[in-house]
C-alpha cells in the first residue's frame, strides 16, 4: 500500500494550510459553507463561499507565500469577512440575515 499523499497527489503542507484556513473561517464565521482549495503548483489558496451563490461561488485568492508568515491566518479571516460584507452579510454566524442578491461590484475600465 502506498503513501496516502502520493496516491491523492496532494502536498502535505498544502493540505495542512487548507485545513488551517478552513478552521479559521469556521471559527470566525460559523455556519457558512466555506470551501478551501490549494491548486497544485500554483502557489495560491482559493476560498469560496457556497452559501452566497451556488451557480457561481464567489471567493478570494491569497498567495501561499504571504500566508506562511501569517501564523494566525489573519489575512484569511479578513478576506472572509470582506466577502461577507460585499454581500451585505453580518460578519458572524450564518442565518442572522437574509442573503441579499449581489449587484455587480466590479466595473470595466472605460477605454
C-alpha atoms as a PDB file:
ATOM      1  CA  UNK A   1       0.000   0.000   0.000  1.00  0.00           C
ATOM      2  CA  UNK A   2       1.402   3.388  -0.995  1.00  0.00           C
ATOM      3  CA  UNK A   3       1.551   6.691   0.794  1.00  0.00           C
ATOM      4  CA  UNK A   4      -1.827   8.417   1.114  1.00  0.00           C
ATOM      5  CA  UNK A   5      -0.477  11.751  -0.099  1.00  0.00           C
ATOM      6  CA  UNK A   6       1.297  10.219  -3.102  1.00  0.00           C
ATOM      7  CA  UNK A   7      -1.896   8.478  -4.182  1.00  0.00           C
ATOM      8  CA  UNK A   8      -4.041  11.573  -3.762  1.00  0.00           C
ATOM      9  CA  UNK A   9      -1.404  13.767  -5.445  1.00  0.00           C
ATOM     10  CA  UNK A  10      -1.609  16.229  -2.532  1.00  0.00           C
ATOM     11  CA  UNK A  11       1.271  18.081  -0.915  1.00  0.00           C
ATOM     12  CA  UNK A  12       1.031  17.600   2.889  1.00  0.00           C
ATOM     13  CA  UNK A  13       1.967  21.219   3.627  1.00  0.00           C
ATOM     14  CA  UNK A  14      -0.770  22.448   1.268  1.00  0.00           C
ATOM     15  CA  UNK A  15      -3.276  20.120   2.908  1.00  0.00           C
ATOM     16  CA  UNK A  16      -2.359  21.498   6.328  1.00  0.00           C
ATOM     17  CA  UNK A  17      -2.639  25.097   5.079  1.00  0.00           C
ATOM     18  CA  UNK A  18      -6.090  24.417   3.605  1.00  0.00           C
ATOM     19  CA  UNK A  19      -7.242  22.702   6.811  1.00  0.00           C
ATOM     20  CA  UNK A  20      -5.992  25.573   8.985  1.00  0.00           C
ATOM     21  CA  UNK A  21      -7.600  28.201   6.727  1.00  0.00           C
ATOM     22  CA  UNK A  22     -10.917  26.344   6.853  1.00  0.00           C
ATOM     23  CA  UNK A  23     -10.654  26.128  10.644  1.00  0.00           C
ATOM     24  CA  UNK A  24     -10.099  29.916  10.880  1.00  0.00           C
ATOM     25  CA  UNK A  25     -13.120  30.612   8.671  1.00  0.00           C
ATOM     26  CA  UNK A  26     -15.381  28.251  10.617  1.00  0.00           C
ATOM     27  CA  UNK A  27     -14.218  29.705  13.933  1.00  0.00           C
ATOM     28  CA  UNK A  28     -14.884  33.326  12.937  1.00  0.00           C
ATOM     29  CA  UNK A  29     -17.855  32.777  10.609  1.00  0.00           C
ATOM     30  CA  UNK A  30     -19.610  29.593  11.800  1.00  0.00           C
ATOM     31  CA  UNK A  31     -22.370  28.003   9.770  1.00  0.00           C
ATOM     32  CA  UNK A  32     -21.226  29.363   6.407  1.00  0.00           C
ATOM     33  CA  UNK A  33     -20.304  26.828   3.705  1.00  0.00           C
ATOM     34  CA  UNK A  34     -16.636  27.603   3.059  1.00  0.00           C
ATOM     35  CA  UNK A  35     -14.599  25.644   0.523  1.00  0.00           C
ATOM     36  CA  UNK A  36     -10.798  25.898   0.548  1.00  0.00           C
ATOM     37  CA  UNK A  37      -8.550  24.687  -2.255  1.00  0.00           C
ATOM     38  CA  UNK A  38      -4.804  24.825  -2.813  1.00  0.00           C
ATOM     39  CA  UNK A  39      -4.284  24.155  -6.542  1.00  0.00           C
ATOM     40  CA  UNK A  40      -1.146  22.137  -7.192  1.00  0.00           C
ATOM     41  CA  UNK A  41       1.869  24.128  -8.423  1.00  0.00           C
ATOM     42  CA  UNK A  42       0.030  27.476  -8.439  1.00  0.00           C
ATOM     43  CA  UNK A  43       1.261  28.960  -5.123  1.00  0.00           C
ATOM     44  CA  UNK A  44      -2.225  30.202  -4.178  1.00  0.00           C
ATOM     45  CA  UNK A  45      -5.008  29.434  -1.718  1.00  0.00           C
ATOM     46  CA  UNK A  46      -8.551  29.723  -3.116  1.00  0.00           C
ATOM     47  CA  UNK A  47     -11.522  30.174  -0.780  1.00  0.00           C
ATOM     48  CA  UNK A  48     -15.157  30.156  -1.897  1.00  0.00           C
ATOM     49  CA  UNK A  49     -18.462  30.512  -0.077  1.00  0.00           C
ATOM     50  CA  UNK A  50     -21.203  28.240  -1.428  1.00  0.00           C
ATOM     51  CA  UNK A  51     -23.982  29.908   0.580  1.00  0.00           C
ATOM     52  CA  UNK A  52     -23.594  33.182  -1.275  1.00  0.00           C
ATOM     53  CA  UNK A  53     -24.060  31.726  -4.730  1.00  0.00           C
ATOM     54  CA  UNK A  54     -24.250  28.128  -5.893  1.00  0.00           C
ATOM     55  CA  UNK A  55     -24.214  28.888  -9.604  1.00  0.00           C
ATOM     56  CA  UNK A  56     -21.037  30.930  -9.437  1.00  0.00           C
ATOM     57  CA  UNK A  57     -19.492  30.737  -5.990  1.00  0.00           C
ATOM     58  CA  UNK A  58     -17.627  33.907  -5.199  1.00  0.00           C
ATOM     59  CA  UNK A  59     -14.421  33.790  -3.284  1.00  0.00           C
ATOM     60  CA  UNK A  60     -10.921  35.116  -2.950  1.00  0.00           C
ATOM     61  CA  UNK A  61      -7.354  34.138  -3.763  1.00  0.00           C
ATOM     62  CA  UNK A  62      -4.381  34.583  -1.441  1.00  0.00           C
ATOM     63  CA  UNK A  63      -0.727  33.834  -2.154  1.00  0.00           C
ATOM     64  CA  UNK A  64       0.654  30.958  -0.095  1.00  0.00           C
ATOM     65  CA  UNK A  65       3.985  32.678   0.494  1.00  0.00           C
ATOM     66  CA  UNK A  66       2.281  35.506   2.379  1.00  0.00           C
ATOM     67  CA  UNK A  67       0.244  33.041   4.450  1.00  0.00           C
ATOM     68  CA  UNK A  68       3.229  31.052   5.703  1.00  0.00           C
ATOM     69  CA  UNK A  69       4.416  34.132   7.621  1.00  0.00           C
ATOM     70  CA  UNK A  70       0.866  34.749   8.933  1.00  0.00           C
ATOM     71  CA  UNK A  71       0.641  32.066  11.645  1.00  0.00           C
ATOM     72  CA  UNK A  72      -2.844  33.071  12.797  1.00  0.00           C
ATOM     73  CA  UNK A  73      -4.036  33.381   9.175  1.00  0.00           C
ATOM     74  CA  UNK A  74      -5.477  36.829   9.825  1.00  0.00           C
ATOM     75  CA  UNK A  75      -5.466  37.522   6.081  1.00  0.00           C
ATOM     76  CA  UNK A  76      -7.872  34.601   5.606  1.00  0.00           C
ATOM     77  CA  UNK A  77     -10.143  35.912   8.383  1.00  0.00           C
ATOM     78  CA  UNK A  78     -10.160  39.443   6.918  1.00  0.00           C
ATOM     79  CA  UNK A  79     -10.800  38.232   3.374  1.00  0.00           C
ATOM     80  CA  UNK A  80     -13.683  36.015   4.531  1.00  0.00           C
ATOM     81  CA  UNK A  81     -15.265  38.921   6.395  1.00  0.00           C
ATOM     82  CA  UNK A  82     -14.807  41.232   3.428  1.00  0.00           C
ATOM     83  CA  UNK A  83     -16.510  38.705   1.158  1.00  0.00           C
ATOM     84  CA  UNK A  84     -19.495  38.529   3.522  1.00  0.00           C
ATOM     85  CA  UNK A  85     -19.683  42.323   3.683  1.00  0.00           C
ATOM     86  CA  UNK A  86     -19.775  42.570  -0.116  1.00  0.00           C
ATOM     87  CA  UNK A  87     -22.990  40.556   0.077  1.00  0.00           C
ATOM     88  CA  UNK A  88     -24.225  42.808   2.890  1.00  0.00           C
ATOM     89  CA  UNK A  89     -23.992  39.975   5.388  1.00  0.00           C
ATOM     90  CA  UNK A  90     -23.155  40.170   9.055  1.00  0.00           C
ATOM     91  CA  UNK A  91     -19.571  39.217   9.903  1.00  0.00           C
ATOM     92  CA  UNK A  92     -20.582  36.327  12.071  1.00  0.00           C
ATOM     93  CA  UNK A  93     -22.539  33.122  12.033  1.00  0.00           C
ATOM     94  CA  UNK A  94     -24.791  32.142   9.141  1.00  0.00           C
ATOM     95  CA  UNK A  95     -28.520  32.740   9.420  1.00  0.00           C
ATOM     96  CA  UNK A  96     -28.625  36.120  11.158  1.00  0.00           C
ATOM     97  CA  UNK A  97     -29.596  37.941   7.994  1.00  0.00           C
ATOM     98  CA  UNK A  98     -31.180  37.088   4.682  1.00  0.00           C
ATOM     99  CA  UNK A  99     -28.750  36.807   1.805  1.00  0.00           C
ATOM    100  CA  UNK A 100     -29.097  39.814  -0.451  1.00  0.00           C
ATOM    101  CA  UNK A 101     -28.603  39.436  -4.192  1.00  0.00           C
ATOM    102  CA  UNK A 102     -25.249  40.873  -5.149  1.00  0.00           C
ATOM    103  CA  UNK A 103     -25.051  43.648  -7.683  1.00  0.00           C
ATOM    104  CA  UNK A 104     -22.110  43.964  -9.979  1.00  0.00           C
ATOM    105  CA  UNK A 105     -19.304  45.083  -7.715  1.00  0.00           C
ATOM    106  CA  UNK A 106     -16.599  45.488 -10.292  1.00  0.00           C
ATOM    107  CA  UNK A 107     -16.843  47.607 -13.393  1.00  0.00           C
ATOM    108  CA  UNK A 108     -14.772  47.535 -16.520  1.00  0.00           C
ATOM    109  CA  UNK A 109     -12.433  50.444 -17.070  1.00  0.00           C
ATOM    110  CA  UNK A 110     -13.569  52.755 -19.815  1.00  0.00           C
ATOM    111  CA  UNK A 111     -11.347  52.777 -22.843  1.00  0.00           C
END
